[in-house]
């Protein structure tokens, strides 16, 4: 399956939001107000190290992820790439698009001088955990989140 990955454009935002909504967790936390997402997309672009990536197959967006490059002092001042909002269209799961997505993220992370790729996922996503472990990610840390709204 040939998927081409590229940086998202403003007009891609509604399709990306639809991918985010296309699961049990996303259905309950994303909404229909596209302007909110457009504003967030513009803020991401202005930050420079925060990219929204889409994967296209036959002219259709079928996958997405967000990658943020973070400079820090730990790990001998290593730069790291944080990956979030990883989604593949439900009808295409199991066709190695996810593996291609992770390979694309790794290539971007290496090009940005990162020594580490990291991600978090909701603990109820058992299939996702298996997938990430198959891609070489290690469940090395326990994550915590605190809602601020």
Protein backbone atom coordinates (compact mmCIF):
# COMPACT_ATOMS: atom_id res chain seq x y z
CA UNK A 1 0.00 0.00 0.00
CA UNK A 2 1.55 3.27 -1.10
CA UNK A 3 0.83 6.22 1.15
CA UNK A 4 2.52 9.60 0.69
CA UNK A 5 3.02 11.66 3.84
CA UNK A 6 3.14 15.45 3.80
CA UNK A 7 2.57 18.42 6.07
CA UNK A 8 -1.11 19.19 6.40
CA UNK A 9 -2.69 22.26 4.85
CA UNK A 10 -5.50 24.33 6.33
CA UNK A 11 -8.06 22.70 4.04
CA UNK A 12 -7.08 19.26 5.42
CA UNK A 13 -8.18 20.14 8.96
CA UNK A 14 -11.82 18.92 8.70
CA UNK A 15 -10.67 15.55 7.33
CA UNK A 16 -8.08 15.21 10.10
CA UNK A 17 -10.74 15.99 12.71
CA UNK A 18 -12.96 13.32 11.16
CA UNK A 19 -10.11 10.80 11.60
CA UNK A 20 -9.69 11.90 15.22
CA UNK A 21 -13.41 11.40 15.83
CA UNK A 22 -13.43 7.95 14.21
CA UNK A 23 -12.90 5.95 17.38
CA UNK A 24 -14.54 5.42 20.75
CA UNK A 25 -12.43 8.00 22.58
CA UNK A 26 -12.37 10.64 19.86
CA UNK A 27 -16.11 10.46 19.25
CA UNK A 28 -16.69 11.74 22.77
CA UNK A 29 -14.10 14.50 22.87
CA UNK A 30 -14.00 16.12 19.42
CA UNK A 31 -16.74 18.43 18.16
CA UNK A 32 -18.04 19.94 14.95
CA UNK A 33 -16.75 23.52 15.43
CA UNK A 34 -14.16 23.63 12.66
CA UNK A 35 -13.04 27.19 13.45
CA UNK A 36 -11.62 26.03 16.78
CA UNK A 37 -9.52 23.44 14.94
CA UNK A 38 -8.44 25.94 12.28
CA UNK A 39 -7.24 28.30 15.01
CA UNK A 40 -5.30 25.48 16.68
CA UNK A 41 -3.78 24.51 13.33
CA UNK A 42 -2.59 28.08 12.73
CA UNK A 43 -1.08 28.18 16.24
CA UNK A 44 0.76 24.90 15.55
CA UNK A 45 2.17 26.30 12.32
CA UNK A 46 3.34 29.46 14.08
CA UNK A 47 5.26 27.40 16.65
CA UNK A 48 7.49 25.95 13.95
CA UNK A 49 8.43 22.71 15.73
CA UNK A 50 4.88 21.37 15.87
CA UNK A 51 3.73 19.69 12.66
CA UNK A 52 0.49 18.06 11.59
CA UNK A 53 1.21 15.34 9.03
CA UNK A 54 -1.28 13.59 6.76
CA UNK A 55 -0.95 10.41 4.71
CA UNK A 56 -2.62 10.30 1.31
CA UNK A 57 -3.60 7.33 -0.79
CA UNK A 58 -5.19 7.87 -4.18
CA UNK A 59 -5.75 11.54 -3.36
CA UNK A 60 -7.58 10.81 -0.08
CA UNK A 61 -6.29 11.51 3.42
CA UNK A 62 -6.18 8.13 5.17
CA UNK A 63 -3.82 8.75 8.10
CA UNK A 64 -2.55 11.52 10.33
CA UNK A 65 -0.23 12.27 13.20
CA UNK A 66 1.20 15.25 15.03
CA UNK A 67 4.93 15.49 15.69
CA UNK A 68 6.54 18.04 17.99
CA UNK A 69 10.28 18.51 18.27
CA UNK A 70 11.44 19.32 21.80
CA UNK A 71 14.87 20.53 22.83
CA UNK A 72 15.91 19.73 26.39
CA UNK A 73 18.75 19.25 28.81
CA UNK A 74 18.15 15.66 29.88
CA UNK A 75 19.78 12.71 28.13
CA UNK A 76 22.89 14.79 27.42
CA UNK A 77 20.84 17.64 25.97
CA UNK A 78 19.10 15.33 23.49
CA UNK A 79 16.38 16.57 21.24
CA UNK A 80 13.27 14.41 21.16
CA UNK A 81 10.23 13.99 18.95
CA UNK A 82 6.84 13.60 20.58
CA UNK A 83 4.15 11.90 18.49
CA UNK A 84 0.44 12.33 19.18
CA UNK A 85 -2.96 11.94 17.54
CA UNK A 86 -1.89 8.94 15.47
CA UNK A 87 -4.79 7.73 13.36
CA UNK A 88 -5.34 5.48 10.34
CA UNK A 89 -8.75 5.28 8.66
CA UNK A 90 -10.60 2.37 10.23
CA UNK A 91 -11.31 0.71 6.88
CA UNK A 92 -7.57 0.60 6.10
CA UNK A 93 -6.19 -0.65 9.40
CA UNK A 94 -4.11 -3.80 9.08
CA UNK A 95 -2.67 -2.74 5.71
CA UNK A 96 0.71 -1.53 7.07
CA UNK A 97 -0.20 2.16 6.80
CA UNK A 98 0.55 2.57 10.51
CA UNK A 99 4.04 1.13 10.02
CA UNK A 100 4.62 3.55 7.14
CA UNK A 101 3.37 6.38 9.35
CA UNK A 102 5.84 5.50 12.12
CA UNK A 103 8.65 5.23 9.56
CA UNK A 104 7.77 8.70 8.27
CA UNK A 105 7.75 10.09 11.81
CA UNK A 106 11.13 8.50 12.52
CA UNK A 107 12.63 9.96 9.34
CA UNK A 108 11.36 13.43 10.30
CA UNK A 109 12.68 13.01 13.85
CA UNK A 110 16.12 11.97 12.63
CA UNK A 111 16.21 14.87 10.15
CA UNK A 112 15.38 17.25 13.02
CA UNK A 113 18.33 15.92 15.03
CA UNK A 114 16.28 13.95 17.55
CA UNK A 115 17.82 11.14 19.57
CA UNK A 116 14.51 9.80 20.88
CA UNK A 117 10.92 9.37 19.74
CA UNK A 118 8.24 9.21 22.40
CA UNK A 119 4.48 8.97 22.54
CA UNK A 120 1.64 8.49 24.95
CA UNK A 121 -1.57 6.59 24.35
CA UNK A 122 -4.70 5.98 26.32
CA UNK A 123 -4.38 2.80 28.37
CA UNK A 124 -7.68 1.42 26.99
CA UNK A 125 -6.21 1.24 23.47
CA UNK A 126 -4.96 -2.34 23.72
CA UNK A 127 -4.59 -2.81 19.96
CA UNK A 128 -2.60 0.42 19.73
CA UNK A 129 -0.26 -0.75 22.48
CA UNK A 130 0.45 -3.98 20.61
CA UNK A 131 1.05 -1.98 17.44
CA UNK A 132 3.50 0.44 19.09
CA UNK A 133 5.40 -2.39 20.71
CA UNK A 134 5.65 -4.13 17.31
CA UNK A 135 7.12 -0.88 15.96
CA UNK A 136 9.88 -0.97 18.56
CA UNK A 137 8.47 1.37 21.21
CA UNK A 138 9.09 0.28 24.79
CA UNK A 139 6.57 0.91 27.58
CA UNK A 140 9.31 2.44 29.71
CA UNK A 141 7.44 5.13 31.65
CA UNK A 142 4.14 5.68 33.40
CA UNK A 143 2.34 8.76 32.15
CA UNK A 144 0.13 11.12 34.08
CA UNK A 145 -2.22 13.81 32.87
CA UNK A 146 -4.03 16.56 34.67
CA UNK A 147 -6.95 18.35 33.03
CA UNK A 148 -6.64 22.13 33.36
CA UNK A 149 -10.04 23.23 32.06
